[in-house]
């Protein structure tokens, strides 16, 4: 099991409707790729909020939110502060950890 295996864990609850289960299943293969794109973006451009990542990557905020939660739980990114988002609310500023950089480079070397 690698540090990115958790990303393919389907984010759904047993009581969710069938459409939610189907959506979670369809994301199983895309989630690790999105996580790697977020890691690469944080490494290349430095710390960013979820809104900034979503804008930079042309993704929906919800897509970035799920992956940043997964990356944080795996110890691959860490919050380094806050700053206001587009609506004025404070958002966590995320940065790659050394483990995140190593996982990204390890994955990149295999491709």
PDB file of N, CA and C in Angstrom:
ATOM      1  N   UNK A   1       0.842  -1.182   0.000  1.00  0.00           N
ATOM      2  CA  UNK A   1       0.000   0.000   0.000  1.00  0.00           C
ATOM      3  C   UNK A   1       0.885   1.243   0.000  1.00  0.00           C
ATOM      4  N   UNK A   2       0.629   2.159  -0.925  1.00  0.00           N
ATOM      5  CA  UNK A   2       1.406   3.391  -0.993  1.00  0.00           C
ATOM      6  C   UNK A   2       0.639   4.510  -0.297  1.00  0.00           C
ATOM      7  N   UNK A   3       1.298   5.663  -0.139  1.00  0.00           N
ATOM      8  CA  UNK A   3       0.639   6.781   0.524  1.00  0.00           C
ATOM      9  C   UNK A   3      -0.525   7.336  -0.289  1.00  0.00           C
ATOM     10  N   UNK A   4      -0.599   7.030  -1.567  1.00  0.00           N
ATOM     11  CA  UNK A   4      -1.713   7.536  -2.364  1.00  0.00           C
ATOM     12  C   UNK A   4      -2.834   6.518  -2.515  1.00  0.00           C
ATOM     13  N   UNK A   5      -2.708   5.323  -1.956  1.00  0.00           N
ATOM     14  CA  UNK A   5      -3.763   4.331  -2.072  1.00  0.00           C
ATOM     15  C   UNK A   5      -5.066   4.788  -1.434  1.00  0.00           C
ATOM     16  N   UNK A   6      -4.991   5.578  -0.368  1.00  0.00           N
ATOM     17  CA  UNK A   6      -6.190   6.072   0.307  1.00  0.00           C
ATOM     18  C   UNK A   6      -7.041   6.921  -0.603  1.00  0.00           C
ATOM     19  N   UNK A   7      -6.448   7.532  -1.619  1.00  0.00           N
ATOM     20  CA  UNK A   7      -7.188   8.434  -2.491  1.00  0.00           C
ATOM     21  C   UNK A   7      -8.242   7.682  -3.275  1.00  0.00           C
ATOM     22  N   UNK A   8      -7.986   6.426  -3.603  1.00  0.00           N
ATOM     23  CA  UNK A   8      -8.963   5.668  -4.363  1.00  0.00           C
ATOM     24  C   UNK A   8     -10.090   5.137  -3.487  1.00  0.00           C
ATOM     25  N   UNK A   9      -9.993   5.347  -2.165  1.00  0.00           N
ATOM     26  CA  UNK A   9     -11.071   4.964  -1.274  1.00  0.00           C
ATOM     27  C   UNK A   9     -12.284   5.813  -1.634  1.00  0.00           C
ATOM     28  N   UNK A  10     -13.392   5.160  -1.899  1.00  0.00           N
ATOM     29  CA  UNK A  10     -14.584   5.855  -2.377  1.00  0.00           C
ATOM     30  C   UNK A  10     -15.225   6.651  -1.244  1.00  0.00           C
ATOM     31  N   UNK A  11     -15.414   7.947  -1.468  1.00  0.00           N
ATOM     32  CA  UNK A  11     -16.030   8.821  -0.476  1.00  0.00           C
ATOM     33  C   UNK A  11     -17.538   8.719  -0.596  1.00  0.00           C
ATOM     34  N   UNK A  12     -18.108   7.739   0.103  1.00  0.00           N
ATOM     35  CA  UNK A  12     -19.556   7.571   0.082  1.00  0.00           C
ATOM     36  C   UNK A  12     -19.990   6.888   1.368  1.00  0.00           C
ATOM     37  N   UNK A  13     -21.264   7.027   1.654  1.00  0.00           N
ATOM     38  CA  UNK A  13     -21.855   6.374   2.819  1.00  0.00           C
ATOM     39  C   UNK A  13     -22.825   5.304   2.340  1.00  0.00           C
ATOM     40  N   UNK A  14     -23.020   4.293   3.142  1.00  0.00           N
ATOM     41  CA  UNK A  14     -23.904   3.185   2.767  1.00  0.00           C
ATOM     42  C   UNK A  14     -25.307   3.672   2.420  1.00  0.00           C
ATOM     43  N   UNK A  15     -25.795   4.706   3.117  1.00  0.00           N
ATOM     44  CA  UNK A  15     -27.160   5.188   2.887  1.00  0.00           C
ATOM     45  C   UNK A  15     -27.274   6.154   1.696  1.00  0.00           C
ATOM     46  N   UNK A  16     -26.172   6.491   1.060  1.00  0.00           N
ATOM     47  CA  UNK A  16     -26.207   7.394  -0.099  1.00  0.00           C
ATOM     48  C   UNK A  16     -26.979   6.748  -1.237  1.00  0.00           C
ATOM     49  N   UNK A  17     -27.590   7.582  -2.101  1.00  0.00           N
ATOM     50  CA  UNK A  17     -28.309   7.030  -3.258  1.00  0.00           C
ATOM     51  C   UNK A  17     -27.344   6.366  -4.245  1.00  0.00           C
ATOM     52  N   UNK A  18     -27.905   5.542  -5.106  1.00  0.00           N
ATOM     53  CA  UNK A  18     -27.107   4.792  -6.085  1.00  0.00           C
ATOM     54  C   UNK A  18     -26.260   5.728  -6.945  1.00  0.00           C
ATOM     55  N   UNK A  19     -26.761   6.910  -7.254  1.00  0.00           N
ATOM     56  CA  UNK A  19     -25.997   7.837  -8.085  1.00  0.00           C
ATOM     57  C   UNK A  19     -24.712   8.283  -7.388  1.00  0.00           C
ATOM     58  N   UNK A  20     -24.769   8.433  -6.070  1.00  0.00           N
ATOM     59  CA  UNK A  20     -23.562   8.802  -5.325  1.00  0.00           C
ATOM     60  C   UNK A  20     -22.540   7.675  -5.342  1.00  0.00           C
ATOM     61  N   UNK A  21     -23.022   6.450  -5.242  1.00  0.00           N
ATOM     62  CA  UNK A  21     -22.118   5.303  -5.300  1.00  0.00           C
ATOM     63  C   UNK A  21     -21.468   5.211  -6.682  1.00  0.00           C
ATOM     64  N   UNK A  22     -22.263   5.458  -7.723  1.00  0.00           N
ATOM     65  CA  UNK A  22     -21.718   5.418  -9.086  1.00  0.00           C
ATOM     66  C   UNK A  22     -20.688   6.528  -9.289  1.00  0.00           C
ATOM     67  N   UNK A  23     -20.967   7.715  -8.772  1.00  0.00           N
ATOM     68  CA  UNK A  23     -20.028   8.835  -8.906  1.00  0.00           C
ATOM     69  C   UNK A  23     -18.730   8.538  -8.160  1.00  0.00           C
ATOM     70  N   UNK A  24     -18.835   7.987  -6.959  1.00  0.00           N
ATOM     71  CA  UNK A  24     -17.635   7.644  -6.186  1.00  0.00           C
ATOM     72  C   UNK A  24     -16.819   6.588  -6.912  1.00  0.00           C
ATOM     73  N   UNK A  25     -17.497   5.618  -7.494  1.00  0.00           N
ATOM     74  CA  UNK A  25     -16.793   4.566  -8.233  1.00  0.00           C
ATOM     75  C   UNK A  25     -16.063   5.159  -9.437  1.00  0.00           C
ATOM     76  N   UNK A  26     -16.700   6.099 -10.125  1.00  0.00           N
ATOM     77  CA  UNK A  26     -16.074   6.688 -11.313  1.00  0.00           C
ATOM     78  C   UNK A  26     -14.862   7.533 -10.943  1.00  0.00           C
ATOM     79  N   UNK A  27     -14.824   8.073  -9.716  1.00  0.00           N
ATOM     80  CA  UNK A  27     -13.700   8.887  -9.277  1.00  0.00           C
ATOM     81  C   UNK A  27     -12.523   8.051  -8.787  1.00  0.00           C
ATOM     82  N   UNK A  28     -12.746   6.761  -8.593  1.00  0.00           N
ATOM     83  CA  UNK A  28     -11.697   5.910  -8.022  1.00  0.00           C
ATOM     84  C   UNK A  28     -10.402   5.987  -8.821  1.00  0.00           C
ATOM     85  N   UNK A  29     -10.500   6.041 -10.139  1.00  0.00           N
ATOM     86  CA  UNK A  29      -9.285   6.099 -10.948  1.00  0.00           C
ATOM     87  C   UNK A  29      -8.786   7.530 -11.128  1.00  0.00           C
ATOM     88  N   UNK A  30      -9.663   8.509 -11.060  1.00  0.00           N
ATOM     89  CA  UNK A  30      -9.262   9.907 -11.267  1.00  0.00           C
ATOM     90  C   UNK A  30      -8.669  10.532 -10.014  1.00  0.00           C
ATOM     91  N   UNK A  31      -9.082  10.082  -8.844  1.00  0.00           N
ATOM     92  CA  UNK A  31      -8.653  10.715  -7.592  1.00  0.00           C
ATOM     93  C   UNK A  31      -7.135  10.749  -7.417  1.00  0.00           C
ATOM     94  N   UNK A  32      -6.430   9.626  -7.626  1.00  0.00           N
ATOM     95  CA  UNK A  32      -4.970   9.703  -7.469  1.00  0.00           C
ATOM     96  C   UNK A  32      -4.321  10.671  -8.456  1.00  0.00           C
ATOM     97  N   UNK A  33      -4.854  10.752  -9.670  1.00  0.00           N
ATOM     98  CA  UNK A  33      -4.321  11.674 -10.667  1.00  0.00           C
ATOM     99  C   UNK A  33      -4.531  13.110 -10.222  1.00  0.00           C
ATOM    100  N   UNK A  34      -5.730  13.434  -9.735  1.00  0.00           N
ATOM    101  CA  UNK A  34      -5.993  14.788  -9.250  1.00  0.00           C
ATOM    102  C   UNK A  34      -5.090  15.123  -8.066  1.00  0.00           C
ATOM    103  N   UNK A  35      -4.896  14.164  -7.189  1.00  0.00           N
ATOM    104  CA  UNK A  35      -4.010  14.398  -6.041  1.00  0.00           C
ATOM    105  C   UNK A  35      -2.593  14.711  -6.511  1.00  0.00           C
ATOM    106  N   UNK A  36      -2.121  13.975  -7.499  1.00  0.00           N
ATOM    107  CA  UNK A  36      -0.774  14.213  -8.017  1.00  0.00           C
ATOM    108  C   UNK A  36      -0.683  15.583  -8.692  1.00  0.00           C
ATOM    109  N   UNK A  37      -1.726  15.981  -9.390  1.00  0.00           N
ATOM    110  CA  UNK A  37      -1.741  17.302 -10.043  1.00  0.00           C
ATOM    111  C   UNK A  37      -1.689  18.398  -8.981  1.00  0.00           C
ATOM    112  N   UNK A  38      -2.421  18.208  -7.890  1.00  0.00           N
ATOM    113  CA  UNK A  38      -2.394  19.200  -6.804  1.00  0.00           C
ATOM    114  C   UNK A  38      -1.010  19.259  -6.171  1.00  0.00           C
ATOM    115  N   UNK A  39      -0.419  18.100  -5.913  1.00  0.00           N
ATOM    116  CA  UNK A  39       0.944  18.090  -5.366  1.00  0.00           C
ATOM    117  C   UNK A  39       1.922  18.796  -6.301  1.00  0.00           C
ATOM    118  N   UNK A  40       1.833  18.493  -7.587  1.00  0.00           N
ATOM    119  CA  UNK A  40       2.732  19.115  -8.566  1.00  0.00           C
ATOM    120  C   UNK A  40       2.540  20.626  -8.604  1.00  0.00           C
ATOM    121  N   UNK A  41       1.299  21.063  -8.523  1.00  0.00           N
ATOM    122  CA  UNK A  41       1.003  22.493  -8.554  1.00  0.00           C
ATOM    123  C   UNK A  41       1.555  23.192  -7.316  1.00  0.00           C
ATOM    124  N   UNK A  42       1.354  22.586  -6.151  1.00  0.00           N
ATOM    125  CA  UNK A  42       1.889  23.185  -4.924  1.00  0.00           C
ATOM    126  C   UNK A  42       3.407  23.230  -4.943  1.00  0.00           C
ATOM    127  N   UNK A  43       4.028  22.196  -5.471  1.00  0.00           N
ATOM    128  CA  UNK A  43       5.492  22.199  -5.534  1.00  0.00           C
ATOM    129  C   UNK A  43       6.000  23.259  -6.520  1.00  0.00           C
ATOM    130  N   UNK A  44       5.357  23.355  -7.665  1.00  0.00           N
ATOM    131  CA  UNK A  44       5.821  24.276  -8.708  1.00  0.00           C
ATOM    132  C   UNK A  44       5.519  25.740  -8.398  1.00  0.00           C
ATOM    133  N   UNK A  45       4.358  26.008  -7.789  1.00  0.00           N
ATOM    134  CA  UNK A  45       3.918  27.394  -7.618  1.00  0.00           C
ATOM    135  C   UNK A  45       3.891  27.854  -6.171  1.00  0.00           C
ATOM    136  N   UNK A  46       4.178  26.961  -5.253  1.00  0.00           N
ATOM    137  CA  UNK A  46       4.186  27.339  -3.847  1.00  0.00           C
ATOM    138  C   UNK A  46       2.821  27.216  -3.201  1.00  0.00           C
ATOM    139  N   UNK A  47       2.731  27.609  -1.932  1.00  0.00           N
ATOM    140  CA  UNK A  47       1.502  27.459  -1.156  1.00  0.00           C
ATOM    141  C   UNK A  47       0.304  28.124  -1.821  1.00  0.00           C
ATOM    142  N   UNK A  48      -0.872  27.495  -1.631  1.00  0.00           N
ATOM    143  CA  UNK A  48      -2.104  28.008  -2.232  1.00  0.00           C
ATOM    144  C   UNK A  48      -3.311  27.526  -1.437  1.00  0.00           C
ATOM    145  N   UNK A  49      -4.400  28.275  -1.540  1.00  0.00           N
ATOM    146  CA  UNK A  49      -5.669  27.870  -0.934  1.00  0.00           C
ATOM    147  C   UNK A  49      -6.402  26.941  -1.906  1.00  0.00           C
ATOM    148  N   UNK A  50      -7.476  26.328  -1.412  1.00  0.00           N
ATOM    149  CA  UNK A  50      -8.275  25.468  -2.285  1.00  0.00           C
ATOM    150  C   UNK A  50      -8.855  26.255  -3.460  1.00  0.00           C
ATOM    151  N   UNK A  51      -9.316  27.468  -3.203  1.00  0.00           N
ATOM    152  CA  UNK A  51      -9.864  28.297  -4.286  1.00  0.00           C
ATOM    153  C   UNK A  51      -8.808  28.623  -5.325  1.00  0.00           C
ATOM    154  N   UNK A  52      -7.614  28.943  -4.859  1.00  0.00           N
ATOM    155  CA  UNK A  52      -6.522  29.255  -5.788  1.00  0.00           C
ATOM    156  C   UNK A  52      -6.136  28.031  -6.613  1.00  0.00           C
ATOM    157  N   UNK A  53      -6.099  26.865  -5.958  1.00  0.00           N
ATOM    158  CA  UNK A  53      -5.794  25.626  -6.694  1.00  0.00           C
ATOM    159  C   UNK A  53      -6.881  25.327  -7.724  1.00  0.00           C
ATOM    160  N   UNK A  54      -8.133  25.462  -7.321  1.00  0.00           N
ATOM    161  CA  UNK A  54      -9.244  25.189  -8.246  1.00  0.00           C
ATOM    162  C   UNK A  54      -9.170  26.117  -9.460  1.00  0.00           C
ATOM    163  N   UNK A  55      -8.903  27.380  -9.221  1.00  0.00           N
ATOM    164  CA  UNK A  55      -8.805  28.332 -10.326  1.00  0.00           C
ATOM    165  C   UNK A  55      -7.619  28.008 -11.226  1.00  0.00           C
ATOM    166  N   UNK A  56      -6.482  27.759 -10.635  1.00  0.00           N
ATOM    167  CA  UNK A  56      -5.270  27.471 -11.405  1.00  0.00           C
ATOM    168  C   UNK A  56      -5.415  26.198 -12.243  1.00  0.00           C
ATOM    169  N   UNK A  57      -6.129  25.202 -11.695  1.00  0.00           N
ATOM    170  CA  UNK A  57      -6.245  23.902 -12.359  1.00  0.00           C
ATOM    171  C   UNK A  57      -7.540  23.748 -13.157  1.00  0.00           C
ATOM    172  N   UNK A  58      -8.365  24.798 -13.167  1.00  0.00           N
ATOM    173  CA  UNK A  58      -9.658  24.761 -13.865  1.00  0.00           C
ATOM    174  C   UNK A  58     -10.507  23.587 -13.375  1.00  0.00           C
ATOM    175  N   UNK A  59     -10.549  23.432 -12.046  1.00  0.00           N
ATOM    176  CA  UNK A  59     -11.352  22.392 -11.416  1.00  0.00           C
ATOM    177  C   UNK A  59     -12.424  23.038 -10.558  1.00  0.00           C
ATOM    178  N   UNK A  60     -13.411  22.243 -10.180  1.00  0.00           N
ATOM    179  CA  UNK A  60     -14.411  22.730  -9.243  1.00  0.00           C
ATOM    180  C   UNK A  60     -13.814  22.691  -7.844  1.00  0.00           C
ATOM    181  N   UNK A  61     -14.243  23.610  -7.024  1.00  0.00           N
ATOM    182  CA  UNK A  61     -13.741  23.701  -5.655  1.00  0.00           C
ATOM    183  C   UNK A  61     -13.937  22.393  -4.895  1.00  0.00           C
ATOM    184  N   UNK A  62     -15.063  21.712  -5.127  1.00  0.00           N
ATOM    185  CA  UNK A  62     -15.346  20.456  -4.436  1.00  0.00           C
ATOM    186  C   UNK A  62     -14.323  19.380  -4.787  1.00  0.00           C
ATOM    187  N   UNK A  63     -13.871  19.359  -6.037  1.00  0.00           N
ATOM    188  CA  UNK A  63     -12.868  18.380  -6.443  1.00  0.00           C
ATOM    189  C   UNK A  63     -11.567  18.607  -5.674  1.00  0.00           C
ATOM    190  N   UNK A  64     -11.167  19.844  -5.566  1.00  0.00           N
ATOM    191  CA  UNK A  64      -9.933  20.185  -4.862  1.00  0.00           C
ATOM    192  C   UNK A  64     -10.097  19.923  -3.371  1.00  0.00           C
ATOM    193  N   UNK A  65     -11.268  20.252  -2.814  1.00  0.00           N
ATOM    194  CA  UNK A  65     -11.539  20.055  -1.399  1.00  0.00           C
ATOM    195  C   UNK A  65     -11.352  18.595  -0.995  1.00  0.00           C
ATOM    196  N   UNK A  66     -11.909  17.671  -1.747  1.00  0.00           N
ATOM    197  CA  UNK A  66     -11.774  16.233  -1.434  1.00  0.00           C
ATOM    198  C   UNK A  66     -10.319  15.801  -1.481  1.00  0.00           C
ATOM    199  N   UNK A  67      -9.615  16.222  -2.513  1.00  0.00           N
ATOM    200  CA  UNK A  67      -8.221  15.779  -2.659  1.00  0.00           C
ATOM    201  C   UNK A  67      -7.310  16.413  -1.624  1.00  0.00           C
ATOM    202  N   UNK A  68      -7.525  17.691  -1.276  1.00  0.00           N
ATOM    203  CA  UNK A  68      -6.672  18.295  -0.259  1.00  0.00           C
ATOM    204  C   UNK A  68      -6.910  17.626   1.093  1.00  0.00           C
ATOM    205  N   UNK A  69      -8.148  17.238   1.377  1.00  0.00           N
ATOM    206  CA  UNK A  69      -8.421  16.519   2.626  1.00  0.00           C
ATOM    207  C   UNK A  69      -7.663  15.191   2.641  1.00  0.00           C
ATOM    208  N   UNK A  70      -7.702  14.473   1.528  1.00  0.00           N
ATOM    209  CA  UNK A  70      -6.973  13.202   1.426  1.00  0.00           C
ATOM    210  C   UNK A  70      -5.465  13.410   1.576  1.00  0.00           C
ATOM    211  N   UNK A  71      -4.946  14.417   0.881  1.00  0.00           N
ATOM    212  CA  UNK A  71      -3.505  14.696   0.938  1.00  0.00           C
ATOM    213  C   UNK A  71      -3.072  15.086   2.346  1.00  0.00           C
ATOM    214  N   UNK A  72      -3.893  15.883   3.015  1.00  0.00           N
ATOM    215  CA  UNK A  72      -3.592  16.278   4.402  1.00  0.00           C
ATOM    216  C   UNK A  72      -3.588  15.052   5.305  1.00  0.00           C
ATOM    217  N   UNK A  73      -4.606  14.206   5.180  1.00  0.00           N
ATOM    218  CA  UNK A  73      -4.698  13.010   6.026  1.00  0.00           C
ATOM    219  C   UNK A  73      -3.528  12.059   5.810  1.00  0.00           C
ATOM    220  N   UNK A  74      -2.961  12.069   4.614  1.00  0.00           N
ATOM    221  CA  UNK A  74      -1.805  11.213   4.312  1.00  0.00           C
ATOM    222  C   UNK A  74      -0.482  11.877   4.689  1.00  0.00           C
ATOM    223  N   UNK A  75      -0.535  13.124   5.161  1.00  0.00           N
ATOM    224  CA  UNK A  75       0.689  13.817   5.550  1.00  0.00           C
ATOM    225  C   UNK A  75       1.501  14.338   4.374  1.00  0.00           C
ATOM    226  N   UNK A  76       0.841  14.491   3.205  1.00  0.00           N
ATOM    227  CA  UNK A  76       1.553  14.935   2.013  1.00  0.00           C
ATOM    228  C   UNK A  76       1.476  16.450   1.808  1.00  0.00           C
ATOM    229  N   UNK A  77       0.488  17.093   2.452  1.00  0.00           N
ATOM    230  CA  UNK A  77       0.410  18.551   2.465  1.00  0.00           C
ATOM    231  C   UNK A  77       0.090  18.980   3.889  1.00  0.00           C
ATOM    232  N   UNK A  78       0.374  20.234   4.176  1.00  0.00           N
ATOM    233  CA  UNK A  78       0.132  20.770   5.514  1.00  0.00           C
ATOM    234  C   UNK A  78      -0.349  22.211   5.389  1.00  0.00           C
ATOM    235  N   UNK A  79      -1.249  22.596   6.291  1.00  0.00           N
ATOM    236  CA  UNK A  79      -1.698  23.978   6.331  1.00  0.00           C
ATOM    237  C   UNK A  79      -0.617  24.852   6.938  1.00  0.00           C
ATOM    238  N   UNK A  80      -0.328  25.971   6.278  1.00  0.00           N
ATOM    239  CA  UNK A  80       0.734  26.868   6.747  1.00  0.00           C
ATOM    240  C   UNK A  80       0.208  28.255   7.090  1.00  0.00           C
ATOM    241  N   UNK A  81      -1.090  28.378   7.198  1.00  0.00           N
ATOM    242  CA  UNK A  81      -1.695  29.657   7.524  1.00  0.00           C
ATOM    243  C   UNK A  81      -3.059  29.769   6.868  1.00  0.00           C
ATOM    244  N   UNK A  82      -3.590  30.980   6.871  1.00  0.00           N
ATOM    245  CA  UNK A  82      -4.872  31.246   6.221  1.00  0.00           C
ATOM    246  C   UNK A  82      -4.785  32.574   5.487  1.00  0.00           C
ATOM    247  N   UNK A  83      -5.699  32.734   4.534  1.00  0.00           N
ATOM    248  CA  UNK A  83      -5.895  34.028   3.885  1.00  0.00           C
ATOM    249  C   UNK A  83      -7.314  34.049   3.327  1.00  0.00           C
ATOM    250  N   UNK A  84      -7.843  35.237   3.082  1.00  0.00           N
ATOM    251  CA  UNK A  84      -9.224  35.325   2.604  1.00  0.00           C
ATOM    252  C   UNK A  84      -9.391  34.698   1.221  1.00  0.00           C
ATOM    253  N   UNK A  85     -10.498  33.970   1.066  1.00  0.00           N
ATOM    254  CA  UNK A  85     -10.855  33.414  -0.234  1.00  0.00           C
ATOM    255  C   UNK A  85     -11.698  34.406  -1.004  1.00  0.00           C
ATOM    256  N   UNK A  86     -12.262  33.998  -2.139  1.00  0.00           N
ATOM    257  CA  UNK A  86     -13.044  34.899  -2.984  1.00  0.00           C
ATOM    258  C   UNK A  86     -14.248  35.524  -2.279  1.00  0.00           C
ATOM    259  N   UNK A  87     -14.832  34.810  -1.321  1.00  0.00           N
ATOM    260  CA  UNK A  87     -16.008  35.324  -0.604  1.00  0.00           C
ATOM    261  C   UNK A  87     -15.638  36.052   0.679  1.00  0.00           C
ATOM    262  N   UNK A  88     -14.339  36.182   0.938  1.00  0.00           N
ATOM    263  CA  UNK A  88     -13.890  36.886   2.127  1.00  0.00           C
ATOM    264  C   UNK A  88     -13.642  36.007   3.338  1.00  0.00           C
ATOM    265  N   UNK A  89     -14.081  34.753   3.288  1.00  0.00           N
ATOM    266  CA  UNK A  89     -13.824  33.834   4.405  1.00  0.00           C
ATOM    267  C   UNK A  89     -12.378  33.357   4.379  1.00  0.00           C
ATOM    268  N   UNK A  90     -11.852  33.104   5.565  1.00  0.00           N
ATOM    269  CA  UNK A  90     -10.485  32.599   5.667  1.00  0.00           C
ATOM    270  C   UNK A  90     -10.411  31.174   5.132  1.00  0.00           C
ATOM    271  N   UNK A  91      -9.400  30.897   4.340  1.00  0.00           N
ATOM    272  CA  UNK A  91      -9.140  29.565   3.808  1.00  0.00           C
ATOM    273  C   UNK A  91      -7.739  29.144   4.207  1.00  0.00           C
ATOM    274  N   UNK A  92      -7.580  27.837   4.405  1.00  0.00           N
ATOM    275  CA  UNK A  92      -6.259  27.297   4.718  1.00  0.00           C
ATOM    276  C   UNK A  92      -5.349  27.432   3.510  1.00  0.00           C
ATOM    277  N   UNK A  93      -4.125  27.818   3.749  1.00  0.00           N
ATOM    278  CA  UNK A  93      -3.091  27.854   2.714  1.00  0.00           C
ATOM    279  C   UNK A  93      -2.317  26.542   2.839  1.00  0.00           C
ATOM    280  N   UNK A  94      -2.287  25.771   1.755  1.00  0.00           N
ATOM    281  CA  UNK A  94      -1.663  24.448   1.740  1.00  0.00           C
ATOM    282  C   UNK A  94      -0.279  24.494   1.124  1.00  0.00           C
ATOM    283  N   UNK A  95       0.598  23.656   1.665  1.00  0.00           N
ATOM    284  CA  UNK A  95       1.967  23.536   1.156  1.00  0.00           C
ATOM    285  C   UNK A  95       2.350  22.053   1.173  1.00  0.00           C
ATOM    286  N   UNK A  96       3.165  21.640   0.198  1.00  0.00           N
ATOM    287  CA  UNK A  96       3.672  20.262   0.160  1.00  0.00           C
ATOM    288  C   UNK A  96       4.590  20.016   1.347  1.00  0.00           C
ATOM    289  N   UNK A  97       4.468  18.841   1.929  1.00  0.00           N
ATOM    290  CA  UNK A  97       5.453  18.411   2.910  1.00  0.00           C
ATOM    291  C   UNK A  97       6.598  17.745   2.148  1.00  0.00           C
ATOM    292  N   UNK A  98       7.665  17.454   2.832  1.00  0.00           N
ATOM    293  CA  UNK A  98       8.767  16.730   2.193  1.00  0.00           C
ATOM    294  C   UNK A  98       8.277  15.375   1.690  1.00  0.00           C
ATOM    295  N   UNK A  99       7.415  14.720   2.469  1.00  0.00           N
ATOM    296  CA  UNK A  99       6.856  13.427   2.043  1.00  0.00           C
ATOM    297  C   UNK A  99       6.044  13.590   0.762  1.00  0.00           C
ATOM    298  N   UNK A 100       5.296  14.691   0.647  1.00  0.00           N
ATOM    299  CA  UNK A 100       4.514  14.947  -0.566  1.00  0.00           C
ATOM    300  C   UNK A 100       5.396  15.133  -1.783  1.00  0.00           C
ATOM    301  N   UNK A 101       6.489  15.858  -1.606  1.00  0.00           N
ATOM    302  CA  UNK A 101       7.429  16.064  -2.710  1.00  0.00           C
ATOM    303  C   UNK A 101       8.045  14.731  -3.124  1.00  0.00           C
ATOM    304  N   UNK A 102       8.414  13.925  -2.147  1.00  0.00           N
ATOM    305  CA  UNK A 102       9.018  12.625  -2.455  1.00  0.00           C
ATOM    306  C   UNK A 102       8.039  11.702  -3.173  1.00  0.00           C
ATOM    307  N   UNK A 103       6.780  11.665  -2.721  1.00  0.00           N
ATOM    308  CA  UNK A 103       5.770  10.828  -3.381  1.00  0.00           C
ATOM    309  C   UNK A 103       5.548  11.302  -4.808  1.00  0.00           C
ATOM    310  N   UNK A 104       5.475  12.600  -4.990  1.00  0.00           N
ATOM    311  CA  UNK A 104       5.262  13.141  -6.342  1.00  0.00           C
ATOM    312  C   UNK A 104       6.407  12.759  -7.259  1.00  0.00           C
ATOM    313  N   UNK A 105       7.629  12.901  -6.789  1.00  0.00           N
ATOM    314  CA  UNK A 105       8.792  12.559  -7.612  1.00  0.00           C
ATOM    315  C   UNK A 105       8.880  11.055  -7.851  1.00  0.00           C
ATOM    316  N   UNK A 106       8.531  10.263  -6.840  1.00  0.00           N
ATOM    317  CA  UNK A 106       8.533   8.804  -6.997  1.00  0.00           C
ATOM    318  C   UNK A 106       7.535   8.382  -8.062  1.00  0.00           C
ATOM    319  N   UNK A 107       6.339   8.946  -8.011  1.00  0.00           N
ATOM    320  CA  UNK A 107       5.308   8.634  -9.003  1.00  0.00           C
ATOM    321  C   UNK A 107       5.727   9.091 -10.383  1.00  0.00           C
ATOM    322  N   UNK A 108       6.304  10.287 -10.474  1.00  0.00           N
ATOM    323  CA  UNK A 108       6.720  10.842 -11.764  1.00  0.00           C
ATOM    324  C   UNK A 108       7.806   9.976 -12.397  1.00  0.00           C
ATOM    325  N   UNK A 109       8.719   9.464 -11.594  1.00  0.00           N
ATOM    326  CA  UNK A 109       9.803   8.615 -12.114  1.00  0.00           C
ATOM    327  C   UNK A 109       9.288   7.309 -12.686  1.00  0.00           C
ATOM    328  N   UNK A 110       8.140   6.838 -12.203  1.00  0.00           N
ATOM    329  CA  UNK A 110       7.582   5.568 -12.695  1.00  0.00           C
ATOM    330  C   UNK A 110       6.848   5.726 -14.012  1.00  0.00           C
ATOM    331  N   UNK A 111       6.476   6.955 -14.356  1.00  0.00           N
ATOM    332  CA  UNK A 111       5.682   7.183 -15.577  1.00  0.00           C
ATOM    333  C   UNK A 111       6.558   7.190 -16.804  1.00  0.00           C
TER     334      UNK A 111
END
